[in-house]
Amino acid sequence: MWVSCSVATLFVASRFRIRMSTKGRLMINDYFLVAALPLLLTASGLIQSSFDVLYRVETFDKVSITTTLTSKEASRLVAAIEFLWAAIYCVKFCFLAQFKFYKPPYAYVVIHLTRYYWTSIGICVAAFVFTIIQPIVICFRADNCRHFDLSNTVSWEMAASSIDIVTDLFVISIPLLLIYMAIYSKMRTIINATFKSLSVLTIAIAATRMATQYNISEQRVDYVAMTFWLMVESATALIVASVSSYRVIMIDYLAERARQNQNRWFRSPQRHPETPANPPEDSISELLILVR
């Protein structure tokens, strides 16, 4: 658990280092990661202190657990789940905030895509509110904590996981639509599509969580497995968001190489006199800028 947190912290620090070296300051979307990292670390501490509560589910029946669970233990478990979900959604909003649809002139370039962008934000906000409210509803107080009921939390947890996957698909679709519309070289298309669709990793983890969190034999949610995979997804989301910033290094390298090739083309003594003064450009469309 702490290894994944340490790795996520290092990757976030590397993202900030790249941002400062290229832009000289943090951008709006970076501040969502500033919020997500302490949420992840705090949740990890709460989970570590709640191990005995989680594993009590596996060794006691429902009556024993509800009678021994204190209000402090219940609130600690709920807070841990809340913070993990909050960190995951901070990363989603980090990806959404990198696009410039929220200000002109970019908001007016493709109206349908702008509407789709704001629809995606609305869906993500609604999903975030649901996932924050859901743990509180399930475990409102210690004597009525349904984390340990046989089956009445399955629909809640499955809904939260399904919404998580759907919102990730919305987040991924926006940059892929931009890449499809823009005029990129083949290499830049591959680079942009790869870095902008890294959230497929978190989708895979969320799908794994859905598949493993249901205890078929006891017909209830396995909160040990659910919390574990939620922790993994949260850390992976931070890593993925940080790795996406490495795209800047790749794009800058390609741009520099293109400039060098262009300079060699101009200096070439064998250029035919009738050749146009401007060589063919290998550049991306600036119609819609993918924020760097």
C-alpha atoms as a PDB file:
ATOM      1  CA  MET A   1       0.000   0.000   0.000  1.00  0.00           C
ATOM      2  CA  TRP A   2       2.663   2.487   1.005  1.00  0.00           C
ATOM      3  CA  VAL A   3       4.850   1.383  -1.901  1.00  0.00           C
ATOM      4  CA  SER A   4       2.115   2.351  -4.360  1.00  0.00           C
ATOM      5  CA  CYS A   5       1.666   5.665  -2.536  1.00  0.00           C
ATOM      6  CA  SER A   6       5.400   6.349  -2.733  1.00  0.00           C
ATOM      7  CA  VAL A   7       5.496   5.543  -6.447  1.00  0.00           C
ATOM      8  CA  ALA A   8       2.477   7.781  -7.067  1.00  0.00           C
ATOM      9  CA  THR A   9       4.139  10.599  -5.113  1.00  0.00           C
ATOM     10  CA  LEU A  10       7.319  10.329  -7.187  1.00  0.00           C
ATOM     11  CA  PHE A  11       5.385  10.407 -10.445  1.00  0.00           C
ATOM     12  CA  VAL A  12       3.339  13.421  -9.344  1.00  0.00           C
ATOM     13  CA  ALA A  13       6.564  15.202  -8.373  1.00  0.00           C
ATOM     14  CA  SER A  14       8.011  14.421 -11.818  1.00  0.00           C
ATOM     15  CA  ARG A  15       4.911  15.888 -13.460  1.00  0.00           C
ATOM     16  CA  PHE A  16       5.284  19.093 -11.471  1.00  0.00           C
ATOM     17  CA  ARG A  17       8.979  19.207 -12.391  1.00  0.00           C
ATOM     18  CA  ILE A  18       8.149  18.923 -16.084  1.00  0.00           C
ATOM     19  CA  ARG A  19       5.443  21.553 -15.760  1.00  0.00           C
ATOM     20  CA  MET A  20       7.750  24.035 -14.059  1.00  0.00           C
ATOM     21  CA  SER A  21      10.504  23.477 -16.624  1.00  0.00           C
ATOM     22  CA  THR A  22       8.179  23.900 -19.623  1.00  0.00           C
ATOM     23  CA  LYS A  23       5.609  26.436 -18.383  1.00  0.00           C
ATOM     24  CA  GLY A  24       7.290  27.998 -15.367  1.00  0.00           C
ATOM     25  CA  ARG A  25       4.193  27.443 -13.236  1.00  0.00           C
ATOM     26  CA  LEU A  26       1.502  24.906 -12.440  1.00  0.00           C
ATOM     27  CA  MET A  27      -1.605  24.908 -14.634  1.00  0.00           C
ATOM     28  CA  ILE A  28      -5.238  24.627 -13.526  1.00  0.00           C
ATOM     29  CA  ASN A  29      -5.405  20.868 -14.012  1.00  0.00           C
ATOM     30  CA  ASP A  30      -2.268  20.341 -11.906  1.00  0.00           C
ATOM     31  CA  TYR A  31      -4.036  21.613  -8.812  1.00  0.00           C
ATOM     32  CA  PHE A  32      -6.451  18.694  -8.949  1.00  0.00           C
ATOM     33  CA  LEU A  33      -3.437  16.429  -8.436  1.00  0.00           C
ATOM     34  CA  VAL A  34      -2.263  18.691  -5.628  1.00  0.00           C
ATOM     35  CA  ALA A  35      -5.574  17.849  -3.944  1.00  0.00           C
ATOM     36  CA  ALA A  36      -5.596  14.170  -4.948  1.00  0.00           C
ATOM     37  CA  LEU A  37      -2.209  13.227  -3.492  1.00  0.00           C
ATOM     38  CA  PRO A  38      -2.922  14.149   0.165  1.00  0.00           C
ATOM     39  CA  LEU A  39      -6.329  12.479  -0.173  1.00  0.00           C
ATOM     40  CA  LEU A  40      -4.610   9.265  -1.224  1.00  0.00           C
ATOM     41  CA  LEU A  41      -2.047   9.451   1.579  1.00  0.00           C
ATOM     42  CA  THR A  42      -4.692  10.217   4.191  1.00  0.00           C
ATOM     43  CA  ALA A  43      -6.873   7.355   2.973  1.00  0.00           C
ATOM     44  CA  SER A  44      -3.893   5.000   3.182  1.00  0.00           C
ATOM     45  CA  GLY A  45      -3.324   5.932   6.800  1.00  0.00           C
ATOM     46  CA  LEU A  46      -7.001   5.399   7.605  1.00  0.00           C
ATOM     47  CA  ILE A  47      -7.036   2.032   5.839  1.00  0.00           C
ATOM     48  CA  GLN A  48      -3.965   0.887   7.734  1.00  0.00           C
ATOM     49  CA  SER A  49      -5.711   1.732  10.993  1.00  0.00           C
ATOM     50  CA  SER A  50      -8.884  -0.037   9.778  1.00  0.00           C
ATOM     51  CA  PHE A  51      -7.355  -3.372   8.791  1.00  0.00           C
ATOM     52  CA  ASP A  52      -8.798  -5.062  11.845  1.00  0.00           C
ATOM     53  CA  VAL A  53     -12.268  -3.724  11.020  1.00  0.00           C
ATOM     54  CA  LEU A  54     -12.098  -4.967   7.431  1.00  0.00           C
ATOM     55  CA  TYR A  55     -10.845  -8.427   8.303  1.00  0.00           C
ATOM     56  CA  ARG A  56     -13.383  -8.734  11.085  1.00  0.00           C
ATOM     57  CA  VAL A  57     -15.893  -9.275   8.296  1.00  0.00           C
ATOM     58  CA  GLU A  58     -14.168 -12.516   7.378  1.00  0.00           C
ATOM     59  CA  THR A  59     -13.968 -13.942  10.889  1.00  0.00           C
ATOM     60  CA  PHE A  60     -17.211 -12.869  12.586  1.00  0.00           C
ATOM     61  CA  ASP A  61     -20.857 -13.012  11.718  1.00  0.00           C
ATOM     62  CA  LYS A  62     -22.932  -9.886  11.202  1.00  0.00           C
ATOM     63  CA  VAL A  63     -24.239  -9.703  14.772  1.00  0.00           C
ATOM     64  CA  SER A  64     -20.768  -9.929  16.293  1.00  0.00           C
ATOM     65  CA  ILE A  65     -19.428  -7.181  14.076  1.00  0.00           C
ATOM     66  CA  THR A  66     -22.231  -4.691  14.513  1.00  0.00           C
ATOM     67  CA  THR A  67     -22.073  -5.083  18.282  1.00  0.00           C
ATOM     68  CA  THR A  68     -18.294  -4.612  18.438  1.00  0.00           C
ATOM     69  CA  LEU A  69     -17.932  -1.856  15.822  1.00  0.00           C
ATOM     70  CA  THR A  70     -17.449   1.527  17.468  1.00  0.00           C
ATOM     71  CA  SER A  71     -18.514   4.839  15.974  1.00  0.00           C
ATOM     72  CA  LYS A  72     -14.847   5.790  15.597  1.00  0.00           C
ATOM     73  CA  GLU A  73     -14.100   2.636  13.608  1.00  0.00           C
ATOM     74  CA  ALA A  74     -17.153   3.159  11.421  1.00  0.00           C
ATOM     75  CA  SER A  75     -16.311   6.789  10.671  1.00  0.00           C
ATOM     76  CA  ARG A  76     -12.670   5.884   9.953  1.00  0.00           C
ATOM     77  CA  LEU A  77     -13.682   3.224   7.435  1.00  0.00           C
ATOM     78  CA  VAL A  78     -16.183   5.524   5.730  1.00  0.00           C
ATOM     79  CA  ALA A  79     -13.628   8.355   5.569  1.00  0.00           C
ATOM     80  CA  ALA A  80     -11.038   6.067   3.974  1.00  0.00           C
ATOM     81  CA  ILE A  81     -13.454   5.016   1.231  1.00  0.00           C
ATOM     82  CA  GLU A  82     -14.568   8.632   0.751  1.00  0.00           C
ATOM     83  CA  PHE A  83     -11.002   9.898   0.359  1.00  0.00           C
ATOM     84  CA  LEU A  84     -10.117   7.185  -2.147  1.00  0.00           C
ATOM     85  CA  TRP A  85     -13.126   8.036  -4.292  1.00  0.00           C
ATOM     86  CA  ALA A  86     -12.350  11.750  -4.010  1.00  0.00           C
ATOM     87  CA  ALA A  87      -8.766  11.155  -5.177  1.00  0.00           C
ATOM     88  CA  ILE A  88     -10.001   9.146  -8.170  1.00  0.00           C
ATOM     89  CA  TYR A  89     -12.416  11.877  -9.224  1.00  0.00           C
ATOM     90  CA  CYS A  90      -9.772  14.571  -8.750  1.00  0.00           C
ATOM     91  CA  VAL A  91      -7.763  12.773 -11.415  1.00  0.00           C
ATOM     92  CA  LYS A  92     -10.788  12.667 -13.728  1.00  0.00           C
ATOM     93  CA  PHE A  93     -11.266  16.417 -13.311  1.00  0.00           C
ATOM     94  CA  CYS A  94      -7.534  16.893 -13.890  1.00  0.00           C
ATOM     95  CA  PHE A  95      -7.898  15.311 -17.328  1.00  0.00           C
ATOM     96  CA  LEU A  96     -11.037  17.334 -18.092  1.00  0.00           C
ATOM     97  CA  ALA A  97      -9.505  20.644 -16.999  1.00  0.00           C
ATOM     98  CA  GLN A  98      -6.599  20.358 -19.437  1.00  0.00           C
ATOM     99  CA  PHE A  99      -8.819  21.249 -22.398  1.00  0.00           C
ATOM    100  CA  LYS A 100      -9.618  24.865 -23.250  1.00  0.00           C
ATOM    101  CA  PHE A 101     -13.314  24.491 -23.973  1.00  0.00           C
ATOM    102  CA  TYR A 102     -14.090  26.671 -20.985  1.00  0.00           C
ATOM    103  CA  LYS A 103     -12.790  29.851 -22.641  1.00  0.00           C
ATOM    104  CA  PRO A 104     -12.973  31.492 -26.079  1.00  0.00           C
ATOM    105  CA  PRO A 105     -12.025  31.096 -28.842  1.00  0.00           C
ATOM    106  CA  TYR A 106     -11.711  27.343 -28.287  1.00  0.00           C
ATOM    107  CA  ALA A 107     -15.253  27.069 -26.926  1.00  0.00           C
ATOM    108  CA  TYR A 108     -16.644  28.180 -30.296  1.00  0.00           C
ATOM    109  CA  VAL A 109     -14.516  26.137 -32.700  1.00  0.00           C
ATOM    110  CA  VAL A 110     -16.681  23.006 -32.604  1.00  0.00           C
ATOM    111  CA  ILE A 111     -19.940  23.712 -30.803  1.00  0.00           C
ATOM    112  CA  HIS A 112     -21.047  20.072 -30.629  1.00  0.00           C
ATOM    113  CA  LEU A 113     -17.767  19.021 -29.049  1.00  0.00           C
ATOM    114  CA  THR A 114     -17.970  21.888 -26.570  1.00  0.00           C
ATOM    115  CA  ARG A 115     -21.445  20.747 -25.540  1.00  0.00           C
ATOM    116  CA  TYR A 116     -20.197  17.189 -25.221  1.00  0.00           C
ATOM    117  CA  TYR A 117     -17.358  18.431 -23.017  1.00  0.00           C
ATOM    118  CA  TRP A 118     -19.695  20.253 -20.645  1.00  0.00           C
ATOM    119  CA  THR A 119     -22.059  17.272 -20.610  1.00  0.00           C
ATOM    120  CA  SER A 120     -19.132  15.084 -19.582  1.00  0.00           C
ATOM    121  CA  ILE A 121     -18.268  17.485 -16.773  1.00  0.00           C
ATOM    122  CA  GLY A 122     -21.880  17.470 -15.578  1.00  0.00           C
ATOM    123  CA  ILE A 123     -21.980  13.675 -15.572  1.00  0.00           C
ATOM    124  CA  CYS A 124     -18.675  13.473 -13.698  1.00  0.00           C
ATOM    125  CA  VAL A 125     -19.859  15.979 -11.088  1.00  0.00           C
ATOM    126  CA  ALA A 126     -23.092  14.037 -10.559  1.00  0.00           C
ATOM    127  CA  ALA A 127     -21.138  10.777 -10.326  1.00  0.00           C
ATOM    128  CA  PHE A 128     -18.751  12.327  -7.808  1.00  0.00           C
ATOM    129  CA  VAL A 129     -21.633  13.489  -5.617  1.00  0.00           C
ATOM    130  CA  PHE A 130     -23.158   9.999  -5.741  1.00  0.00           C
ATOM    131  CA  THR A 131     -19.941   8.228  -4.787  1.00  0.00           C
ATOM    132  CA  ILE A 132     -19.348  10.648  -1.909  1.00  0.00           C
ATOM    133  CA  ILE A 133     -22.873  10.221  -0.543  1.00  0.00           C
ATOM    134  CA  GLN A 134     -22.972   6.444  -1.042  1.00  0.00           C
ATOM    135  CA  PRO A 135     -20.520   5.393   1.740  1.00  0.00           C
ATOM    136  CA  ILE A 136     -22.303   7.670   4.212  1.00  0.00           C
ATOM    137  CA  VAL A 137     -25.690   6.158   3.338  1.00  0.00           C
ATOM    138  CA  ILE A 138     -24.347   2.614   3.687  1.00  0.00           C
ATOM    139  CA  CYS A 139     -22.623   3.249   7.013  1.00  0.00           C
ATOM    140  CA  PHE A 140     -24.392   6.205   8.605  1.00  0.00           C
ATOM    141  CA  ARG A 141     -23.572   5.149  12.160  1.00  0.00           C
ATOM    142  CA  ALA A 142     -21.891   2.236  13.946  1.00  0.00           C
ATOM    143  CA  ASP A 143     -25.065   0.440  15.015  1.00  0.00           C
ATOM    144  CA  ASN A 144     -26.448   0.536  11.471  1.00  0.00           C
ATOM    145  CA  CYS A 145     -23.354   0.008   9.325  1.00  0.00           C
ATOM    146  CA  ARG A 146     -24.482  -1.985   6.309  1.00  0.00           C
ATOM    147  CA  HIS A 147     -20.935  -2.672   5.138  1.00  0.00           C
ATOM    148  CA  PHE A 148     -21.424  -5.997   6.880  1.00  0.00           C
ATOM    149  CA  ASP A 149     -24.915  -6.925   5.724  1.00  0.00           C
ATOM    150  CA  LEU A 150     -25.264  -9.978   3.536  1.00  0.00           C
ATOM    151  CA  SER A 151     -26.511  -8.421   0.315  1.00  0.00           C
ATOM    152  CA  ASN A 152     -28.093  -4.999   0.663  1.00  0.00           C
ATOM    153  CA  THR A 153     -24.945  -3.056  -0.364  1.00  0.00           C
ATOM    154  CA  VAL A 154     -24.260  -4.980  -3.570  1.00  0.00           C
ATOM    155  CA  SER A 155     -26.369  -2.711  -5.775  1.00  0.00           C
ATOM    156  CA  TRP A 156     -24.779   0.409  -4.243  1.00  0.00           C
ATOM    157  CA  GLU A 157     -21.206  -0.772  -4.796  1.00  0.00           C
ATOM    158  CA  MET A 158     -21.884  -2.127  -8.284  1.00  0.00           C
ATOM    159  CA  ALA A 159     -23.513   1.172  -9.229  1.00  0.00           C
ATOM    160  CA  ALA A 160     -20.520   3.157  -7.955  1.00  0.00           C
ATOM    161  CA  SER A 161     -18.089   0.951  -9.905  1.00  0.00           C
ATOM    162  CA  SER A 162     -20.193   1.112 -13.075  1.00  0.00           C
ATOM    163  CA  ILE A 163     -20.413   4.897 -12.865  1.00  0.00           C
ATOM    164  CA  ASP A 164     -16.648   5.032 -12.343  1.00  0.00           C
ATOM    165  CA  ILE A 165     -16.069   3.127 -15.583  1.00  0.00           C
ATOM    166  CA  VAL A 166     -18.607   5.178 -17.557  1.00  0.00           C
ATOM    167  CA  THR A 167     -17.098   8.496 -16.459  1.00  0.00           C
ATOM    168  CA  ASP A 168     -13.620   7.259 -17.402  1.00  0.00           C
ATOM    169  CA  LEU A 169     -14.934   6.466 -20.882  1.00  0.00           C
ATOM    170  CA  PHE A 170     -16.264  10.021 -21.156  1.00  0.00           C
ATOM    171  CA  VAL A 171     -12.893  11.402 -20.047  1.00  0.00           C
ATOM    172  CA  ILE A 172     -10.996   9.319 -22.612  1.00  0.00           C
ATOM    173  CA  SER A 173     -13.379  10.068 -25.473  1.00  0.00           C
ATOM    174  CA  ILE A 174     -12.754  13.834 -25.474  1.00  0.00           C
ATOM    175  CA  PRO A 175      -9.021  13.784 -26.358  1.00  0.00           C
ATOM    176  CA  LEU A 176      -9.571  10.946 -28.828  1.00  0.00           C
ATOM    177  CA  LEU A 177     -12.212  13.030 -30.616  1.00  0.00           C
ATOM    178  CA  LEU A 178      -9.805  15.970 -30.701  1.00  0.00           C
ATOM    179  CA  ILE A 179      -7.039  13.805 -32.116  1.00  0.00           C
ATOM    180  CA  TYR A 180      -9.418  12.445 -34.755  1.00  0.00           C
ATOM    181  CA  MET A 181     -10.387  15.971 -35.825  1.00  0.00           C
ATOM    182  CA  ALA A 182      -6.880  17.444 -35.786  1.00  0.00           C
ATOM    183  CA  ILE A 183      -4.313  17.200 -38.575  1.00  0.00           C
ATOM    184  CA  TYR A 184      -1.496  15.167 -37.066  1.00  0.00           C
ATOM    185  CA  SER A 185       1.352  13.252 -38.561  1.00  0.00           C
ATOM    186  CA  LYS A 186       1.106   9.500 -38.005  1.00  0.00           C
ATOM    187  CA  MET A 187       3.774   9.539 -35.298  1.00  0.00           C
ATOM    188  CA  ARG A 188       2.164  12.378 -33.378  1.00  0.00           C
ATOM    189  CA  THR A 189      -1.235  10.755 -33.670  1.00  0.00           C
ATOM    190  CA  ILE A 190       0.132   7.609 -32.051  1.00  0.00           C
ATOM    191  CA  ILE A 191       1.903   9.555 -29.299  1.00  0.00           C
ATOM    192  CA  ASN A 192      -1.099  11.728 -28.481  1.00  0.00           C
ATOM    193  CA  ALA A 193      -3.562   8.845 -28.585  1.00  0.00           C
ATOM    194  CA  THR A 194      -1.334   6.729 -26.358  1.00  0.00           C
ATOM    195  CA  PHE A 195      -0.753   9.338 -23.672  1.00  0.00           C
ATOM    196  CA  LYS A 196      -4.316  10.672 -23.747  1.00  0.00           C
ATOM    197  CA  SER A 197      -5.921   7.243 -23.364  1.00  0.00           C
ATOM    198  CA  LEU A 198      -3.872   5.967 -20.432  1.00  0.00           C
ATOM    199  CA  SER A 199      -7.033   5.989 -18.340  1.00  0.00           C
ATOM    200  CA  VAL A 200      -7.829   2.589 -19.847  1.00  0.00           C
ATOM    201  CA  LEU A 201      -5.599   1.245 -17.068  1.00  0.00           C
ATOM    202  CA  THR A 202      -7.913   2.628 -14.402  1.00  0.00           C
ATOM    203  CA  ILE A 203     -10.891   1.243 -16.318  1.00  0.00           C
ATOM    204  CA  ALA A 204      -9.272  -2.194 -16.242  1.00  0.00           C
ATOM    205  CA  ILE A 205      -8.704  -1.904 -12.493  1.00  0.00           C
ATOM    206  CA  ALA A 206     -12.288  -0.738 -11.914  1.00  0.00           C
ATOM    207  CA  ALA A 207     -13.564  -3.692 -13.937  1.00  0.00           C
ATOM    208  CA  THR A 208     -11.375  -6.013 -11.864  1.00  0.00           C
ATOM    209  CA  ARG A 209     -12.815  -4.489  -8.710  1.00  0.00           C
ATOM    210  CA  MET A 210     -16.339  -5.135  -9.957  1.00  0.00           C
ATOM    211  CA  ALA A 211     -15.479  -8.747 -10.716  1.00  0.00           C
ATOM    212  CA  THR A 212     -13.775  -9.488  -7.393  1.00  0.00           C
ATOM    213  CA  GLN A 213     -15.711  -7.431  -4.865  1.00  0.00           C
ATOM    214  CA  TYR A 214     -18.772  -9.693  -4.874  1.00  0.00           C
ATOM    215  CA  ASN A 215     -18.536 -12.727  -2.599  1.00  0.00           C
ATOM    216  CA  ILE A 216     -20.678 -15.284  -4.426  1.00  0.00           C
ATOM    217  CA  SER A 217     -20.748 -17.874  -1.651  1.00  0.00           C
ATOM    218  CA  GLU A 218     -21.997 -15.389   0.953  1.00  0.00           C
ATOM    219  CA  GLN A 219     -23.839 -13.132  -1.514  1.00  0.00           C
ATOM    220  CA  ARG A 220     -22.375  -9.900  -0.206  1.00  0.00           C
ATOM    221  CA  VAL A 221     -19.685  -7.355  -1.027  1.00  0.00           C
ATOM    222  CA  ASP A 222     -16.166  -8.336  -0.014  1.00  0.00           C
ATOM    223  CA  TYR A 223     -14.985  -5.032   1.430  1.00  0.00           C
ATOM    224  CA  VAL A 224     -11.424  -6.263   1.848  1.00  0.00           C
ATOM    225  CA  ALA A 225     -11.136  -6.819  -1.921  1.00  0.00           C
ATOM    226  CA  MET A 226     -13.122  -3.689  -2.749  1.00  0.00           C
ATOM    227  CA  THR A 227     -10.978  -1.429  -0.569  1.00  0.00           C
ATOM    228  CA  PHE A 228      -7.775  -2.997  -1.904  1.00  0.00           C
ATOM    229  CA  TRP A 229      -8.698  -2.424  -5.545  1.00  0.00           C
ATOM    230  CA  LEU A 230     -10.016   1.050  -4.776  1.00  0.00           C
ATOM    231  CA  MET A 231      -6.628   1.832  -3.284  1.00  0.00           C
ATOM    232  CA  VAL A 232      -4.840   0.409  -6.337  1.00  0.00           C
ATOM    233  CA  GLU A 233      -7.049   2.390  -8.716  1.00  0.00           C
ATOM    234  CA  SER A 234      -6.490   5.626  -6.823  1.00  0.00           C
ATOM    235  CA  ALA A 235      -2.694   5.251  -6.878  1.00  0.00           C
ATOM    236  CA  THR A 236      -2.698   4.136 -10.522  1.00  0.00           C
ATOM    237  CA  ALA A 237      -4.871   7.101 -11.518  1.00  0.00           C
ATOM    238  CA  LEU A 238      -2.317   9.500 -10.045  1.00  0.00           C
ATOM    239  CA  ILE A 239       0.517   7.696 -11.819  1.00  0.00           C
ATOM    240  CA  VAL A 240      -1.363   7.728 -15.134  1.00  0.00           C
ATOM    241  CA  ALA A 241      -2.129  11.451 -14.831  1.00  0.00           C
ATOM    242  CA  SER A 242       1.543  12.122 -14.147  1.00  0.00           C
ATOM    243  CA  VAL A 243       2.823   9.947 -16.995  1.00  0.00           C
ATOM    244  CA  SER A 244       0.554  11.799 -19.427  1.00  0.00           C
ATOM    245  CA  SER A 245       2.725  14.892 -18.883  1.00  0.00           C
ATOM    246  CA  TYR A 246       5.687  13.032 -20.427  1.00  0.00           C
ATOM    247  CA  ARG A 247       3.932  13.555 -23.746  1.00  0.00           C
ATOM    248  CA  VAL A 248       5.376  17.087 -23.714  1.00  0.00           C
ATOM    249  CA  ILE A 249       8.904  15.698 -23.828  1.00  0.00           C
ATOM    250  CA  MET A 250       8.075  13.463 -26.790  1.00  0.00           C
ATOM    251  CA  ILE A 251       6.284  16.233 -28.706  1.00  0.00           C
ATOM    252  CA  ASP A 252       9.108  18.713 -28.064  1.00  0.00           C
ATOM    253  CA  TYR A 253      11.629  16.155 -29.290  1.00  0.00           C
ATOM    254  CA  LEU A 254       9.675  15.603 -32.512  1.00  0.00           C
ATOM    255  CA  ALA A 255       9.259  19.360 -33.007  1.00  0.00           C
ATOM    256  CA  GLU A 256      12.983  19.936 -32.580  1.00  0.00           C
ATOM    257  CA  ARG A 257      13.802  17.148 -35.005  1.00  0.00           C
ATOM    258  CA  ALA A 258      11.330  18.604 -37.532  1.00  0.00           C
ATOM    259  CA  ARG A 259      12.996  22.029 -37.222  1.00  0.00           C
ATOM    260  CA  GLN A 260      16.414  20.495 -37.813  1.00  0.00           C
ATOM    261  CA  ASN A 261      15.143  18.667 -40.896  1.00  0.00           C
ATOM    262  CA  GLN A 262      13.555  21.871 -42.166  1.00  0.00           C
ATOM    263  CA  ASN A 263      16.803  23.817 -41.710  1.00  0.00           C
ATOM    264  CA  ARG A 264      18.720  21.144 -43.591  1.00  0.00           C
ATOM    265  CA  TRP A 265      16.116  21.305 -46.360  1.00  0.00           C
ATOM    266  CA  PHE A 266      16.568  25.077 -46.737  1.00  0.00           C
ATOM    267  CA  ARG A 267      20.358  24.778 -46.760  1.00  0.00           C
ATOM    268  CA  SER A 268      20.355  21.967 -49.286  1.00  0.00           C
ATOM    269  CA  PRO A 269      22.247  23.125 -52.447  1.00  0.00           C
ATOM    270  CA  GLN A 270      20.357  20.582 -54.567  1.00  0.00           C
ATOM    271  CA  ARG A 271      16.947  22.184 -54.028  1.00  0.00           C
ATOM    272  CA  HIS A 272      15.352  22.841 -57.399  1.00  0.00           C
ATOM    273  CA  PRO A 273      14.845  26.573 -58.139  1.00  0.00           C
ATOM    274  CA  GLU A 274      11.156  26.035 -58.816  1.00  0.00           C
ATOM    275  CA  THR A 275      10.591  24.282 -55.499  1.00  0.00           C
ATOM    276  CA  PRO A 276       8.233  26.327 -53.318  1.00  0.00           C
ATOM    277  CA  ALA A 277       9.890  28.448 -50.679  1.00  0.00           C
ATOM    278  CA  ASN A 278       7.978  26.737 -47.905  1.00  0.00           C
ATOM    279  CA  PRO A 279       8.670  23.010 -47.497  1.00  0.00           C
ATOM    280  CA  PRO A 280       5.884  20.611 -46.573  1.00  0.00           C
ATOM    281  CA  GLU A 281       5.167  20.987 -42.906  1.00  0.00           C
ATOM    282  CA  ASP A 282       4.976  18.056 -40.533  1.00  0.00           C
ATOM    283  CA  SER A 283       2.971  19.848 -37.890  1.00  0.00           C
ATOM    284  CA  ILE A 284      -0.138  19.248 -35.835  1.00  0.00           C
ATOM    285  CA  SER A 285      -3.290  21.231 -36.222  1.00  0.00           C
ATOM    286  CA  GLU A 286      -3.634  24.131 -33.842  1.00  0.00           C
ATOM    287  CA  LEU A 287      -7.380  24.214 -34.401  1.00  0.00           C
ATOM    288  CA  LEU A 288      -7.930  22.651 -30.997  1.00  0.00           C
ATOM    289  CA  ILE A 289      -4.934  22.741 -28.714  1.00  0.00           C
ATOM    290  CA  LEU A 290      -4.352  19.763 -26.457  1.00  0.00           C
ATOM    291  CA  VAL A 291      -3.020  21.498 -23.387  1.00  0.00           C
ATOM    292  CA  ARG A 292       0.547  20.646 -22.595  1.00  0.00           C
END
